[in-house]
Amino acid sequence: MVEKRAQKPATKPGATAGAPPASGEGCTVQLDTLWQPGHHEIIGIRYWLSQVFTIDLDGNGVTDNVGFRFVAPGARNLVIRYFAAPGLLAARSVPSLKLSDESAIYRLCFGQREFGPEPAPKAKPKAVQLIKPFEPPDLAKEMRAKKEAEAAAASGAAKRRGLVGAVRRHWKVIVGVALSLLLAGGAMAYVTRERWMRRAGTASDSESEDADDEVEPGRGDEEGDGEDAEK
């Protein structure tokens, strides 16, 4: 049995192509009303549906099956049928391809739909750097900042002038206090020196007396020896 693939759809929906279907309804369904371009997960690979076409197996002018062609990056093209022979993968086993009313296949008008290769992913738009519009300077804010700076400088200058003025007004008191401190320091140094000198003198006298006491017995011995010699 030779598989027949139609190359052109019927002239208009509802018109028959060849012999009418067994149901007598004729060609009433278009391919693109049942399947749209998109991705489908098949045997663990994410495929893109690139083509769908009708199949007339017995040449009676009635669609008997539908074929699907899939493409995927890095994988071989995949072609399967909606109804497949035993042992082959059937499109009806793929949830995203299965029809709720499979009788619609027999009412399909002959034809095929080319969806083309998988479209390239859209590049993310580059972030546009907005140019900040020109903003006129805030003159009021600048004037306030200038006045605050001038006020701070004037306050510092006034404090310095006040300190200098206070020194000038009370310089006699300051000098007097300084002289008093100097005199008091000198007096304390003098008293301390006198006390140290007196203590040093007392210590010297004590050492001299101790030395005399040590010599006297010697002298007595010498004199005694003399007396003994005279005798």
Protein backbone atom coordinates (compact mmCIF):
# COMPACT_ATOMS: atom_id res chain seq x y z
CA MET A 1 0.00 0.00 0.00
CA VAL A 2 1.48 3.34 -1.06
CA GLU A 3 1.30 6.35 1.26
CA LYS A 4 -0.11 9.40 -0.43
CA ARG A 5 0.67 12.91 0.77
CA ALA A 6 -1.50 15.69 -0.60
CA GLN A 7 0.32 18.80 -1.86
CA LYS A 8 -2.54 21.29 -1.90
CA PRO A 9 -5.59 21.82 0.28
CA ALA A 10 -9.16 21.85 -0.94
CA THR A 11 -10.38 24.99 -2.62
CA LYS A 12 -12.61 25.88 0.32
CA PRO A 13 -13.71 24.32 3.61
CA GLY A 14 -16.47 21.82 3.14
CA ALA A 15 -15.50 20.85 -0.40
CA THR A 16 -14.58 17.23 -0.96
CA ALA A 17 -11.21 16.11 -2.27
CA GLY A 18 -11.64 12.89 -4.14
CA ALA A 19 -14.13 10.43 -2.69
CA PRO A 20 -16.19 11.75 0.22
CA PRO A 21 -15.53 10.44 3.74
CA ALA A 22 -17.46 7.45 4.92
CA SER A 23 -19.41 9.68 7.28
CA GLY A 24 -20.43 11.89 4.38
CA GLU A 25 -19.32 15.04 6.17
CA GLY A 26 -16.53 15.79 3.69
CA CYS A 27 -13.53 18.09 4.22
CA THR A 28 -14.48 20.38 7.09
CA VAL A 29 -11.30 20.76 9.21
CA GLN A 30 -8.04 22.57 8.41
CA LEU A 31 -4.67 21.43 9.75
CA ASP A 32 -3.79 24.71 11.43
CA THR A 33 -6.99 24.60 13.48
CA LEU A 34 -5.75 21.46 15.25
CA TRP A 35 -1.99 22.06 15.61
CA GLN A 36 0.00 25.26 15.91
CA PRO A 37 3.77 25.87 15.77
CA GLY A 38 5.44 25.43 19.09
CA HIS A 39 7.61 23.23 21.29
CA HIS A 40 6.77 19.67 22.33
CA GLU A 41 8.52 17.41 24.83
CA ILE A 42 9.13 14.05 23.11
CA ILE A 43 11.33 11.25 24.52
CA GLY A 44 13.02 13.74 26.80
CA ILE A 45 13.95 16.22 24.06
CA ARG A 46 12.39 19.60 23.48
CA TYR A 47 11.43 19.60 19.80
CA TRP A 48 10.05 22.33 17.57
CA LEU A 49 7.11 21.39 15.29
CA SER A 50 8.32 22.45 11.85
CA GLN A 51 5.77 20.72 9.59
CA VAL A 52 2.43 18.88 9.72
CA PHE A 53 0.81 17.11 6.72
CA THR A 54 -2.12 14.85 5.89
CA ILE A 55 -1.77 11.24 4.71
CA ASP A 56 -4.15 9.25 2.46
CA LEU A 57 -3.15 5.64 2.86
CA ASP A 58 -5.58 3.98 0.44
CA GLY A 59 -5.96 6.78 -2.08
CA ASN A 60 -9.71 7.18 -1.59
CA GLY A 61 -9.48 10.95 -1.07
CA VAL A 62 -10.06 10.76 2.67
CA THR A 63 -7.37 11.67 5.23
CA ASP A 64 -6.39 8.55 7.13
CA ASN A 65 -3.45 9.83 9.18
CA VAL A 66 -1.34 12.89 9.93
CA GLY A 67 2.45 13.21 9.87
CA PHE A 68 4.60 15.51 12.03
CA ARG A 69 8.15 16.68 11.49
CA PHE A 70 10.19 17.97 14.43
CA VAL A 71 13.59 19.64 14.73
CA ALA A 72 15.80 20.25 17.76
CA PRO A 73 19.31 21.71 18.20
CA GLY A 74 21.89 18.95 18.44
CA ALA A 75 19.39 16.17 17.58
CA ARG A 76 18.30 14.45 14.38
CA ASN A 77 15.00 15.43 12.81
CA LEU A 78 12.07 13.39 14.03
CA VAL A 79 9.11 12.30 11.85
CA ILE A 80 6.16 10.50 13.46
CA ARG A 81 2.50 9.83 12.63
CA TYR A 82 -0.57 10.40 14.68
CA PHE A 83 -1.54 6.75 14.35
CA ALA A 84 1.58 4.53 14.31
CA ALA A 85 2.21 0.87 13.69
CA PRO A 86 2.89 -1.32 16.71
CA GLY A 87 6.32 -0.69 18.15
CA LEU A 88 6.60 2.81 16.71
CA LEU A 89 6.14 6.13 18.50
CA ALA A 90 2.68 7.59 17.89
CA ALA A 91 1.98 11.33 18.06
CA ARG A 92 -1.25 10.58 19.91
CA SER A 93 0.93 9.42 22.85
CA VAL A 94 2.34 12.95 23.20
CA PRO A 95 -0.05 14.94 25.43
CA SER A 96 0.55 18.21 23.57
CA LEU A 97 -0.39 16.60 20.22
CA LYS A 98 -3.26 14.34 21.21
CA LEU A 99 -6.74 15.39 20.06
CA SER A 100 -9.77 15.20 22.29
CA ASP A 101 -11.84 14.20 19.20
CA GLU A 102 -9.70 11.97 17.00
CA SER A 103 -12.47 11.61 14.42
CA ALA A 104 -11.53 15.11 13.27
CA ILE A 105 -8.56 13.57 11.44
CA TYR A 106 -10.92 11.94 8.92
CA ARG A 107 -12.49 15.30 8.19
CA LEU A 108 -9.17 17.04 7.54
CA CYS A 109 -8.74 18.74 4.21
CA PHE A 110 -5.69 17.58 2.29
CA GLY A 111 -2.64 19.76 2.71
CA GLN A 112 0.41 20.57 4.77
CA ARG A 113 1.61 23.41 6.94
CA GLU A 114 5.21 24.58 7.11
CA PHE A 115 6.12 26.24 10.39
CA GLY A 116 9.79 26.67 9.57
CA PRO A 117 12.80 26.33 11.90
CA GLU A 118 12.72 27.20 15.52
CA PRO A 119 12.93 30.97 15.86
CA ALA A 120 16.04 32.33 17.50
CA PRO A 121 15.50 33.55 21.04
CA LYS A 122 14.93 37.23 21.28
CA ALA A 123 17.88 39.12 22.61
CA LYS A 124 17.26 40.99 25.77
CA PRO A 125 16.97 44.68 25.09
CA LYS A 126 19.93 46.66 26.24
CA ALA A 127 19.36 48.82 29.21
CA VAL A 128 18.92 52.38 28.08
CA GLN A 129 20.77 54.85 30.19
CA LEU A 130 18.51 57.79 30.65
CA ILE A 131 20.13 61.16 30.41
CA LYS A 132 19.29 63.21 33.42
CA PRO A 133 17.64 66.40 32.28
CA PHE A 134 19.34 69.65 33.12
CA GLU A 135 18.21 70.97 36.45
CA PRO A 136 18.66 74.67 37.20
CA PRO A 137 20.68 75.37 40.34
CA ASP A 138 18.76 76.00 43.53
CA LEU A 139 19.89 79.57 44.18
CA ALA A 140 17.94 79.85 47.42
CA LYS A 141 19.63 76.74 48.80
CA GLU A 142 23.06 78.01 47.76
CA MET A 143 22.41 81.39 49.41
CA ARG A 144 21.31 79.70 52.64
CA ALA A 145 24.46 77.58 52.66
CA LYS A 146 26.61 80.64 52.04
CA LYS A 147 24.93 82.60 54.85
CA GLU A 148 25.36 79.69 57.25
CA ALA A 149 29.07 79.44 56.41
CA GLU A 150 29.53 83.19 56.88
CA ALA A 151 27.66 83.08 60.20
CA ALA A 152 29.85 80.23 61.45
CA ALA A 153 33.01 82.10 60.43
CA ALA A 154 31.78 85.29 62.12
CA SER A 155 30.96 83.37 65.28
CA GLY A 156 34.44 81.85 65.39
CA ALA A 157 36.05 85.24 64.83
CA ALA A 158 33.91 86.79 67.57
CA LYS A 159 34.97 84.09 70.02
CA ARG A 160 38.63 84.69 69.20
CA ARG A 161 38.21 88.46 69.57
CA GLY A 162 36.43 87.96 72.91
CA LEU A 163 39.29 85.81 74.20
CA VAL A 164 41.90 88.37 73.12
CA GLY A 165 39.88 91.17 74.64
CA ALA A 166 39.54 89.30 77.93
CA VAL A 167 43.30 88.78 78.03
CA ARG A 168 43.91 92.44 77.30
CA ARG A 169 41.44 93.56 79.97
CA HIS A 170 42.82 91.30 82.67
CA TRP A 171 46.49 91.18 81.76
CA LYS A 172 47.47 92.76 85.05
CA VAL A 173 45.67 90.08 87.00
CA ILE A 174 47.21 87.36 84.86
CA VAL A 175 50.71 88.81 85.31
CA GLY A 176 50.17 89.21 89.04
CA VAL A 177 49.06 85.62 89.43
CA ALA A 178 52.05 84.42 87.42
CA LEU A 179 54.46 86.49 89.58
CA SER A 180 52.83 85.24 92.73
CA LEU A 181 53.30 81.68 91.60
CA LEU A 182 56.94 82.37 90.74
CA LEU A 183 57.58 84.01 94.12
CA ALA A 184 55.85 81.22 95.96
CA GLY A 185 57.91 78.69 94.08
CA GLY A 186 61.12 80.54 94.84
CA ALA A 187 60.27 80.80 98.52
CA MET A 188 59.52 77.13 98.74
CA ALA A 189 62.81 76.35 97.02
CA TYR A 190 64.73 78.60 99.44
CA VAL A 191 63.13 77.09 102.53
CA THR A 192 63.73 73.62 101.25
CA ARG A 193 67.39 74.44 100.55
CA GLU A 194 67.90 75.90 104.02
CA ARG A 195 66.43 72.85 105.63
CA TRP A 196 68.62 70.60 103.55
CA MET A 197 71.73 72.62 104.42
CA ARG A 198 70.95 72.51 108.16
CA ARG A 199 70.45 68.79 108.03
CA ALA A 200 73.67 68.38 106.12
CA GLY A 201 75.54 70.49 108.70
CA THR A 202 74.13 68.55 111.64
CA ALA A 203 75.17 65.31 110.04
CA SER A 204 78.75 66.63 109.58
CA ASP A 205 79.05 67.68 113.25
CA SER A 206 77.89 64.28 114.39
CA GLU A 207 80.50 62.57 112.27
CA SER A 208 83.24 64.85 113.67
CA GLU A 209 82.30 64.07 117.27
CA ASP A 210 82.32 60.38 116.52
CA ALA A 211 85.77 60.71 115.02
CA ASP A 212 87.10 62.53 118.18
CA ASP A 213 85.71 59.88 120.43
CA GLU A 214 87.52 57.28 118.51
CA VAL A 215 90.87 59.13 118.65
CA GLU A 216 90.85 59.98 122.42
CA PRO A 217 91.47 56.48 123.66
CA GLY A 218 94.48 56.27 121.41
CA ARG A 219 95.89 59.43 122.73
CA GLY A 220 95.39 58.22 126.27
CA ASP A 221 97.24 55.08 125.52
CA GLU A 222 100.07 57.01 123.98
CA GLU A 223 100.33 59.27 127.02
CA GLY A 224 100.14 56.30 129.35
CA ASP A 225 102.85 54.65 127.43
CA GLY A 226 104.95 57.75 127.83
CA GLU A 227 104.43 57.87 131.48
CA ASP A 228 105.32 54.28 131.80
CA ALA A 229 108.42 54.90 129.81
CA GLU A 230 109.48 57.73 132.09
CA LYS A 231 109.05 55.54 135.03
